[in-house]
Protein backbone atom coordinates (compact mmCIF):
# COMPACT_ATOMS: atom_id res chain seq x y z
CA UNK A 1 -21.85 21.03 50.62
CA UNK A 2 -25.02 18.98 50.33
CA UNK A 3 -26.74 16.47 52.50
CA UNK A 4 -29.19 13.66 51.71
CA UNK A 5 -32.56 13.76 53.44
CA UNK A 6 -34.74 10.65 53.67
CA UNK A 7 -38.25 10.19 55.03
CA UNK A 8 -38.35 6.49 55.83
CA UNK A 9 -41.16 3.95 55.69
CA UNK A 10 -42.08 3.77 51.99
CA UNK A 11 -41.74 0.35 50.29
CA UNK A 12 -39.97 0.43 46.94
CA UNK A 13 -41.87 -0.65 43.80
CA UNK A 14 -41.06 -0.42 40.13
CA UNK A 15 -38.14 -0.91 37.72
CA UNK A 16 -34.63 0.43 37.73
CA UNK A 17 -31.76 -0.04 35.25
CA UNK A 18 -28.31 -1.01 36.55
CA UNK A 19 -25.47 1.17 35.23
CA UNK A 20 -22.05 0.11 34.02
CA UNK A 21 -19.64 -1.04 36.69
CA UNK A 22 -17.44 1.66 38.21
CA UNK A 23 -14.81 -0.87 39.26
CA UNK A 24 -14.57 -2.17 35.69
CA UNK A 25 -14.74 1.24 34.00
CA UNK A 26 -11.80 2.81 35.84
CA UNK A 27 -9.11 0.19 34.97
CA UNK A 28 -10.40 -0.03 31.37
CA UNK A 29 -10.17 3.76 31.02
CA UNK A 30 -6.58 3.56 32.33
CA UNK A 31 -5.86 0.70 29.90
CA UNK A 32 -6.52 3.08 26.99
CA UNK A 33 -3.09 4.53 27.78
CA UNK A 34 -1.71 1.38 26.14
CA UNK A 35 -3.54 1.86 22.85
CA UNK A 36 -3.15 3.63 19.53
CA UNK A 37 -6.16 5.46 18.11
CA UNK A 38 -9.50 6.10 19.79
CA UNK A 39 -11.47 3.79 22.09
CA UNK A 40 -15.20 4.27 22.57
CA UNK A 41 -16.37 2.95 25.91
CA UNK A 42 -20.09 2.39 26.37
CA UNK A 43 -21.82 2.11 29.73
CA UNK A 44 -19.42 4.38 31.58
CA UNK A 45 -21.35 5.68 34.63
CA UNK A 46 -21.50 9.42 35.36
CA UNK A 47 -19.58 9.42 38.64
CA UNK A 48 -17.10 11.67 40.47
CA UNK A 49 -14.44 8.92 40.29
CA UNK A 50 -14.83 8.70 36.50
CA UNK A 51 -14.45 12.47 36.19
CA UNK A 52 -11.37 12.35 38.39
CA UNK A 53 -9.75 9.71 36.23
CA UNK A 54 -10.59 11.70 33.12
CA UNK A 55 -8.65 14.65 34.64
CA UNK A 56 -5.70 12.35 35.41
CA UNK A 57 -5.74 11.03 31.85
CA UNK A 58 -5.89 14.60 30.53
CA UNK A 59 -2.72 15.36 32.54
CA UNK A 60 -1.11 12.39 30.76
CA UNK A 61 -1.79 13.65 27.23
CA UNK A 62 -5.10 11.88 26.69
CA UNK A 63 -8.31 13.42 25.27
CA UNK A 64 -11.53 12.29 26.93
CA UNK A 65 -14.83 13.26 25.24
CA UNK A 66 -18.29 12.52 26.55
CA UNK A 67 -20.50 11.62 23.55
CA UNK A 68 -24.21 12.50 23.21
CA UNK A 69 -25.13 8.81 23.62
CA UNK A 70 -23.34 8.78 27.03
CA UNK A 71 -20.29 6.83 25.84
CA UNK A 72 -16.75 8.04 26.47
CA UNK A 73 -14.17 8.45 23.71
CA UNK A 74 -10.55 8.22 24.81
CA UNK A 75 -7.62 9.15 22.51
CA UNK A 76 -3.95 9.24 23.40
CA UNK A 77 -2.54 12.44 21.83
CA UNK A 78 0.91 12.71 23.49
CA UNK A 79 3.03 10.23 25.46
CA UNK A 80 5.70 12.43 27.05
CA UNK A 81 3.92 12.99 30.38
CA UNK A 82 4.33 10.25 33.00
CA UNK A 83 3.18 11.96 36.24
CA UNK A 84 -0.18 11.37 37.93
CA UNK A 85 -0.23 14.29 40.44
CA UNK A 86 -1.12 14.15 44.15
CA UNK A 87 -3.92 16.74 43.93
CA UNK A 88 -5.95 14.34 41.75
CA UNK A 89 -4.78 10.92 42.90
CA UNK A 90 -5.29 11.68 46.59
CA UNK A 91 -9.07 11.55 46.21
CA UNK A 92 -9.36 8.10 44.67
CA UNK A 93 -7.46 4.89 45.34
CA UNK A 94 -8.25 3.49 41.88
CA UNK A 95 -5.97 6.18 40.42
CA UNK A 96 -3.07 3.81 41.02
CA UNK A 97 -4.28 1.79 38.01
CA UNK A 98 -2.47 4.19 35.66
CA UNK A 99 0.86 2.90 37.05
CA UNK A 100 0.90 -0.35 34.99
CA UNK A 101 -0.12 1.10 31.61
CA UNK A 102 2.20 4.07 31.90
CA UNK A 103 5.13 1.84 32.70
CA UNK A 104 4.21 -0.74 30.00
CA UNK A 105 3.76 1.80 27.21
CA UNK A 106 5.97 4.79 28.11
CA UNK A 107 8.71 2.99 30.07
CA UNK A 108 8.30 5.20 33.11
CA UNK A 109 5.61 6.20 35.60
CA UNK A 110 5.43 8.62 38.50
CA UNK A 111 2.20 8.13 40.40
CA UNK A 112 1.25 9.63 43.73
CA UNK A 113 0.47 7.17 46.45
CA UNK A 114 -3.38 7.21 46.36
CA UNK A 115 -6.06 8.14 48.87
CA UNK A 116 -9.78 7.28 48.67
CA UNK A 117 -12.17 5.70 51.15
CA UNK A 118 -11.33 5.21 54.80
CA UNK A 119 -11.85 1.48 54.97
CA UNK A 120 -8.55 0.38 56.50
CA UNK A 121 -5.05 -0.22 55.30
CA UNK A 122 -4.70 -0.98 51.60
CA UNK A 123 -0.97 -0.97 50.83
CA UNK A 124 0.31 -1.11 47.23
CA UNK A 125 3.33 -3.28 48.03
CA UNK A 126 1.96 -6.12 45.88
CA UNK A 127 1.60 -3.72 42.92
CA UNK A 128 5.23 -2.74 43.34
CA UNK A 129 6.46 -6.30 43.82
CA UNK A 130 4.53 -7.33 40.71
CA UNK A 131 6.01 -4.76 38.35
CA UNK A 132 9.51 -5.36 39.84
CA UNK A 133 9.09 -9.04 38.87
CA UNK A 134 8.72 -7.83 35.29
CA UNK A 135 12.04 -6.02 35.50
CA UNK A 136 11.00 -2.56 36.52
CA UNK A 137 13.08 -0.43 38.88
CA UNK A 138 10.87 1.10 41.56
CA UNK A 139 11.52 3.86 44.07
CA UNK A 140 9.08 5.36 46.54
CA UNK A 141 10.03 8.99 47.17
CA UNK A 142 8.21 12.09 48.42
CA UNK A 143 4.86 10.34 48.31
CA UNK A 144 5.26 9.03 44.75
CA UNK A 145 5.86 5.65 43.22
CA UNK A 146 8.49 6.11 40.52
CA UNK A 147 8.90 3.16 38.19
CA UNK A 148 11.19 2.75 35.19
CA UNK A 149 11.60 -0.08 32.72
CA UNK A 150 12.05 0.49 29.00
CA UNK A 151 11.11 -3.07 27.99
CA UNK A 152 9.51 -5.29 30.58
CA UNK A 153 10.22 -9.01 30.57
CA UNK A 154 7.68 -11.78 31.08
CA UNK A 155 7.89 -13.51 34.45
CA UNK A 156 5.96 -15.50 37.01
CA UNK A 157 4.32 -13.03 39.38
CA UNK A 158 2.66 -14.00 42.70
CA UNK A 159 -0.21 -11.61 43.51
CA UNK A 160 -1.39 -13.21 46.69
CA UNK A 161 -1.74 -11.05 49.81
CA UNK A 162 -2.62 -11.52 53.50
CA UNK A 163 -6.36 -11.06 52.77
CA UNK A 164 -6.49 -12.72 49.36
CA UNK A 165 -5.70 -11.61 45.82
CA UNK A 166 -5.44 -7.92 45.03
CA UNK A 167 -7.90 -6.69 42.40
CA UNK A 168 -6.17 -3.44 41.43
CA UNK A 169 -2.78 -5.14 41.74
CA UNK A 170 -3.89 -7.80 39.27
CA UNK A 171 -5.12 -5.09 36.91
CA UNK A 172 -1.90 -3.08 37.19
CA UNK A 173 0.47 -5.96 36.56
CA UNK A 174 -1.70 -7.31 33.75
CA UNK A 175 -1.58 -3.96 32.01
CA UNK A 176 2.14 -3.61 32.56
CA UNK A 177 2.78 -7.07 31.04
CA UNK A 178 0.65 -7.01 27.86
CA UNK A 179 3.28 -5.10 25.84
CA UNK A 180 6.24 -6.84 27.53
CA UNK A 181 8.52 -9.49 26.01
CA UNK A 182 7.55 -13.12 26.40
CA UNK A 183 5.15 -14.90 28.71
CA UNK A 184 3.89 -13.62 32.06
CA UNK A 185 1.97 -15.81 34.50
CA UNK A 186 -0.03 -14.07 37.21
CA UNK A 187 -0.35 -16.53 40.06
CA UNK A 188 -3.01 -16.02 42.71
CA UNK A 189 -4.64 -13.44 40.45
CA UNK A 190 -7.94 -11.84 41.39
CA UNK A 191 -10.89 -13.47 39.64
CA UNK A 192 -13.43 -10.64 40.03
CA UNK A 193 -15.71 -9.91 37.06
CA UNK A 194 -14.18 -6.48 36.78
CA UNK A 195 -10.74 -8.02 36.30
CA UNK A 196 -12.19 -10.32 33.68
CA UNK A 197 -13.74 -7.33 31.96
CA UNK A 198 -10.38 -5.57 31.77
CA UNK A 199 -8.75 -8.70 30.30
CA UNK A 200 -11.50 -9.03 27.71
CA UNK A 201 -11.10 -5.36 26.73
CA UNK A 202 -7.35 -5.83 26.35
CA UNK A 203 -7.82 -8.94 24.23
CA UNK A 204 -10.22 -7.18 21.90
CA UNK A 205 -7.64 -4.37 21.61
CA UNK A 206 -5.02 -6.95 20.51
CA UNK A 207 -3.57 -8.43 23.70
CA UNK A 208 -3.04 -12.19 24.19
CA UNK A 209 -4.46 -13.08 27.62
CA UNK A 210 -5.77 -16.53 28.48
CA UNK A 211 -7.15 -18.33 31.57
CA UNK A 212 -9.28 -15.25 32.24
CA UNK A 213 -11.24 -15.64 35.47
CA UNK A 214 -8.85 -18.26 36.79
CA UNK A 215 -6.21 -18.05 39.53
CA UNK A 216 -3.30 -18.27 37.08
CA UNK A 217 -3.67 -15.77 34.24
CA UNK A 218 -1.34 -16.20 31.24
CA UNK A 219 -0.19 -13.21 29.18
CA UNK A 220 1.82 -13.43 25.98
CA UNK A 221 3.39 -10.07 25.16
CA UNK A 222 2.36 -8.32 21.93
CA UNK A 223 3.79 -5.37 20.03
CA UNK A 224 0.84 -3.01 20.12
CA UNK A 225 -2.79 -2.45 21.10
CA UNK A 226 -5.35 -0.51 19.14
CA UNK A 227 -8.39 1.56 20.15
CA UNK A 228 -11.71 -0.31 20.04
CA UNK A 229 -15.39 0.02 20.89
CA UNK A 230 -16.30 -1.74 24.09
CA UNK A 231 -19.22 -1.92 26.55
CA UNK A 232 -18.60 -2.12 30.28
CA UNK A 233 -20.32 -4.89 32.30
CA UNK A 234 -23.22 -3.92 34.59
CA UNK A 235 -22.35 -2.98 38.16
CA UNK A 236 -22.88 -5.95 40.45
CA UNK A 237 -22.43 -3.83 43.60
CA UNK A 238 -25.03 -1.33 42.49
CA UNK A 239 -27.37 -4.23 41.71
CA UNK A 240 -26.78 -5.72 45.15
CA UNK A 241 -27.42 -2.40 46.83
CA UNK A 242 -30.78 -2.05 45.07
CA UNK A 243 -31.63 -5.64 46.04
CA UNK A 244 -31.06 -4.82 49.68
CA UNK A 245 -33.00 -1.53 49.41
CA UNK A 246 -36.01 -3.46 48.04
CA UNK A 247 -35.65 -6.13 50.73
CA UNK A 248 -35.33 -3.80 53.73
CA UNK A 249 -38.39 -1.74 52.69
CA UNK A 250 -40.62 -4.74 52.07
CA UNK A 251 -40.94 -3.79 48.45
CA UNK A 252 -41.01 -5.35 45.01
CA UNK A 253 -38.57 -4.10 42.40
CA UNK A 254 -37.19 -5.26 39.07
CA UNK A 255 -33.56 -4.67 38.17
CA UNK A 256 -32.90 -4.27 34.49
CA UNK A 257 -29.47 -4.88 32.87
CA UNK A 258 -28.48 -7.14 35.77
CA UNK A 259 -25.96 -10.00 35.63
CA UNK A 260 -26.94 -12.05 38.65
CA UNK A 261 -24.46 -14.81 37.88
CA UNK A 262 -21.82 -12.41 39.18
CA UNK A 263 -23.87 -12.01 42.36
CA UNK A 264 -24.55 -15.61 43.33
CA UNK A 265 -23.27 -15.17 46.89
CA UNK A 266 -25.47 -12.14 47.43
CA UNK A 267 -28.57 -13.71 45.82
CA UNK A 268 -28.20 -16.95 47.80
CA UNK A 269 -27.76 -15.09 51.09
CA UNK A 270 -30.81 -12.90 50.50
CA UNK A 271 -32.88 -15.98 49.73
CA UNK A 272 -31.65 -17.54 52.93
CA UNK A 273 -32.87 -14.40 54.73
CA UNK A 274 -36.38 -14.77 53.33
CA UNK A 275 -36.18 -12.49 50.29
CA UNK A 276 -37.75 -13.77 47.08
CA UNK A 277 -35.50 -13.32 44.03
CA UNK A 278 -36.33 -14.40 40.50
CA UNK A 279 -33.76 -14.12 37.68
CA UNK A 280 -34.46 -14.21 33.92
CA UNK A 281 -31.95 -14.02 31.06
CA UNK A 282 -31.91 -11.06 28.67
CA UNK A 283 -30.78 -10.54 25.11
CA UNK A 284 -27.64 -8.46 25.61
CA UNK A 285 -24.38 -10.29 26.11
CA UNK A 286 -21.18 -9.24 27.88
CA UNK A 287 -18.19 -11.43 26.98
CA UNK A 288 -20.33 -14.53 26.69
CA UNK A 289 -22.51 -13.77 29.76
CA UNK A 290 -26.09 -12.60 29.17
CA UNK A 291 -27.62 -9.86 31.22
CA UNK A 292 -31.25 -10.04 32.29
CA UNK A 293 -33.85 -8.96 34.83
CA UNK A 294 -33.90 -9.66 38.52
CA UNK A 295 -37.13 -9.38 40.55
CA UNK A 296 -36.75 -8.77 44.26
CA UNK A 297 -39.72 -9.18 46.61
CA UNK A 298 -39.86 -8.93 50.35
CA UNK A 299 -42.45 -8.63 53.11
CA UNK A 300 -39.88 -6.85 55.31
CA UNK A 301 -39.54 -9.81 57.69
CA UNK A 302 -35.79 -10.54 57.47
CA UNK A 303 -34.27 -13.70 58.93
CA UNK A 304 -30.86 -13.41 60.69
CA UNK A 305 -27.77 -14.74 58.87
CA UNK A 306 -24.02 -15.26 59.25
CA UNK A 307 -21.90 -13.66 56.51
CA UNK A 308 -18.18 -13.79 55.76
CA UNK A 309 -16.69 -11.52 53.06
CA UNK A 310 -14.26 -13.19 50.74
CA UNK A 311 -12.63 -12.58 47.34
CA UNK A 312 -14.74 -13.47 44.33
CA UNK A 313 -16.81 -15.62 43.99
CA UNK A 314 -17.40 -15.15 47.74
CA UNK A 315 -19.44 -12.41 49.38
CA UNK A 316 -18.10 -9.02 48.13
CA UNK A 317 -16.58 -6.81 50.79
CA UNK A 318 -18.32 -3.93 48.94
CA UNK A 319 -21.70 -5.42 50.06
CA UNK A 320 -20.79 -5.83 53.71
CA UNK A 321 -22.04 -2.43 54.87
CA UNK A 322 -25.38 -2.80 53.08
CA UNK A 323 -25.93 -6.25 54.60
CA UNK A 324 -25.09 -4.81 58.00
CA UNK A 325 -27.91 -2.32 57.62
CA UNK A 326 -30.34 -4.99 56.48
CA UNK A 327 -29.47 -7.38 59.33
CA UNK A 328 -29.91 -4.58 61.88
CA UNK A 329 -33.70 -5.08 61.56
CA UNK A 330 -33.60 -8.89 61.20
CA UNK A 331 -35.55 -11.15 63.56
CA UNK A 332 -32.60 -12.40 65.58
CA UNK A 333 -28.83 -12.17 65.94
CA UNK A 334 -26.45 -12.18 62.99
CA UNK A 335 -22.65 -12.23 62.65
CA UNK A 336 -20.62 -10.59 59.89
CA UNK A 337 -16.91 -11.44 59.52
CA UNK A 338 -14.83 -9.19 57.28
CA UNK A 339 -12.00 -11.14 55.67
CA UNK A 340 -10.98 -8.66 52.99
CA UNK A 341 -10.70 -5.33 54.86
CA UNK A 342 -10.87 -6.32 58.54
CA UNK A 343 -11.36 -2.75 59.81
CA UNK A 344 -14.14 -1.82 57.39
CA UNK A 345 -16.78 -1.11 60.04
CA UNK A 346 -16.92 2.66 60.36
CA UNK A 347 -20.62 2.59 59.43
CA UNK A 348 -21.44 0.62 62.61
CA UNK A 349 -21.29 3.65 64.90
CA UNK A 350 -23.63 5.60 62.61
CA UNK A 351 -26.11 2.70 62.33
CA UNK A 352 -26.12 2.46 66.10
CA UNK A 353 -27.00 6.17 66.23
CA UNK A 354 -30.10 5.18 64.28
CA UNK A 355 -31.06 2.63 66.94
CA UNK A 356 -29.27 -0.47 65.66
CA UNK A 357 -27.69 -2.86 68.18
CA UNK A 358 -24.30 -3.75 66.67
CA UNK A 359 -21.09 -4.63 68.46
CA UNK A 360 -17.88 -4.54 66.47
CA UNK A 361 -14.93 -6.57 67.71
CA UNK A 362 -11.94 -6.36 65.38
CA UNK A 363 -13.04 -8.05 62.11
CA UNK A 364 -16.42 -9.24 63.43
CA UNK A 365 -19.71 -7.44 63.83
CA UNK A 366 -22.41 -8.99 66.05
CA UNK A 367 -25.80 -7.64 65.05
CA UNK A 368 -28.86 -8.03 67.25
CA UNK A 369 -31.90 -7.21 65.18
CA UNK A 370 -34.21 -4.45 66.47
CA UNK A 371 -37.88 -3.87 65.65
CA UNK A 372 -37.18 -0.54 63.92
CA UNK A 373 -34.62 2.15 63.26
CA UNK A 374 -35.05 5.86 63.91
CA UNK A 375 -34.06 8.75 61.66
CA UNK A 376 -31.26 11.02 62.84
CA UNK A 377 -28.24 12.86 61.48
CA UNK A 378 -25.39 10.58 60.41
CA UNK A 379 -21.99 10.95 58.76
CA UNK A 380 -20.77 8.90 55.80
CA UNK A 381 -17.17 7.62 56.10
CA UNK A 382 -16.79 5.94 52.73
CA UNK A 383 -18.62 4.96 49.56
CA UNK A 384 -20.32 1.75 50.68
CA UNK A 385 -20.93 3.10 54.18
CA UNK A 386 -22.89 5.89 52.50
CA UNK A 387 -25.01 3.29 50.74
CA UNK A 388 -25.67 1.43 53.99
CA UNK A 389 -26.91 4.62 55.69
CA UNK A 390 -29.22 5.39 52.75
CA UNK A 391 -30.56 1.82 52.92
CA UNK A 392 -31.16 2.21 56.66
CA UNK A 393 -32.77 5.61 56.16
CA UNK A 394 -35.30 4.11 53.70
CA UNK A 395 -36.80 2.03 56.51
CA UNK A 396 -36.13 4.20 59.54
CA UNK A 397 -38.97 6.06 61.29
CA UNK A 398 -38.83 9.79 60.73
CA UNK A 399 -36.19 11.83 58.95
CA UNK A 400 -32.60 10.75 58.32
CA UNK A 401 -29.95 13.25 57.21
CA UNK A 402 -26.73 11.98 55.71
CA UNK A 403 -23.70 14.26 55.56
CA UNK A 404 -20.40 14.01 53.60
CA UNK A 405 -22.51 13.21 50.59
CA UNK A 406 -19.56 13.35 48.18
CA UNK A 407 -18.81 9.73 49.00
CA UNK A 408 -22.02 8.47 47.44
CA UNK A 409 -21.41 10.37 44.20
CA UNK A 410 -18.16 8.47 43.75
CA UNK A 411 -20.00 5.21 43.08
CA UNK A 412 -23.76 5.68 42.48
CA UNK A 413 -25.11 7.74 39.61
CA UNK A 414 -28.12 9.88 40.55
CA UNK A 415 -29.08 7.48 43.31
CA UNK A 416 -31.71 9.70 44.89
CA UNK A 417 -33.51 10.18 41.56
CA UNK A 418 -33.61 6.44 40.90
CA UNK A 419 -34.85 5.67 44.43
CA UNK A 420 -37.49 8.39 44.02
CA UNK A 421 -38.70 6.71 40.86
CA UNK A 422 -39.24 3.58 42.97
CA UNK A 423 -41.39 5.45 45.54
CA UNK A 424 -38.78 6.52 48.13
CA UNK A 425 -38.97 9.93 49.78
CA UNK A 426 -35.39 11.10 49.33
CA UNK A 427 -33.84 14.42 48.26
CA UNK A 428 -30.80 16.67 48.56
CA UNK A 429 -30.50 19.87 50.50
CA UNK A 430 -27.77 22.41 51.09
CA UNK A 431 -26.12 22.01 54.47
């Protein structure tokens, strides 16, 4: 086991390139189950979650090869296996995204009910209801979702849930429907950029999906999909995390390969808090959207703010923990309301151990800014909580040690090396 050690108090300066989006890469990798031939995916980040999904795909008769240029080649060799086993699925909730393509292509799927981060209840009932609407028979037995349906039929599927649209549920039902018969309409579909990226990948492979990025996605079933070459969009959550790291340390950093139009809510809120952000367009294009550079400058004097997380295009729930860390040293009192995962506040207790003054009441955190944080030993509870503790450690006085480091490796590639290149004092040690 390793821990992260941070000596706080060093402003970040320099340039850092944003990697491909984990939350786009995983469903697109799963979507390769639907295709014939080989797909070459560019921009796949080197993460634990990616490696886990590769192992699951290998169990399902799929070859996954990491190329010298960093891209990932995926080829379906056999289609007889339909089981995604507990030992692999239990570590990562996104594993459930193999359910739709297995059912849509092989007519049957047996997928363990997933695990992952401890951020509150995330049932898969909408996934099940969605594929049942397409004509599948579903049974939940011995911790597995078992779905059968030789030829799915187009239907109108409502994907709305108590806290908004389901991202993985939208991905799963979309993938199940693309090889089905007739038209499927996904009502109250998630509009997140990662969902759009999956739809664009499927279309390039031969699917017929329209109204991408809208609440009602339309899918016309096709006979087959083929392997393609495709580049994953940049990771907006990674970009937002670096923005906050630059802001909290009073630094000046430039994000390369950034698509800030997917982060409007984050950029606008940081500007409201006194952070200077300049965005310029680049030359590379992702499905009609150009990447670019984003310059983040801060003097470390952060204004308080009120934030409510919402489905896209609102404030991402995956940025809530990082903003909580930033607002802990703001000049005044802030309120964060979590509307996506109401119980996603396990990082609050650890930030309070560092000297923050945060009170959590159900889905609301009231944050009274303090002059400074102090380094101590803290425990990461989930992926984004890990990021918030690292962000806090960058500005805390003294030494911060973060344990349960495996969470951070699920979503941030070589984060300590990239922060070191910006001037941070951060390293790993054996516990």
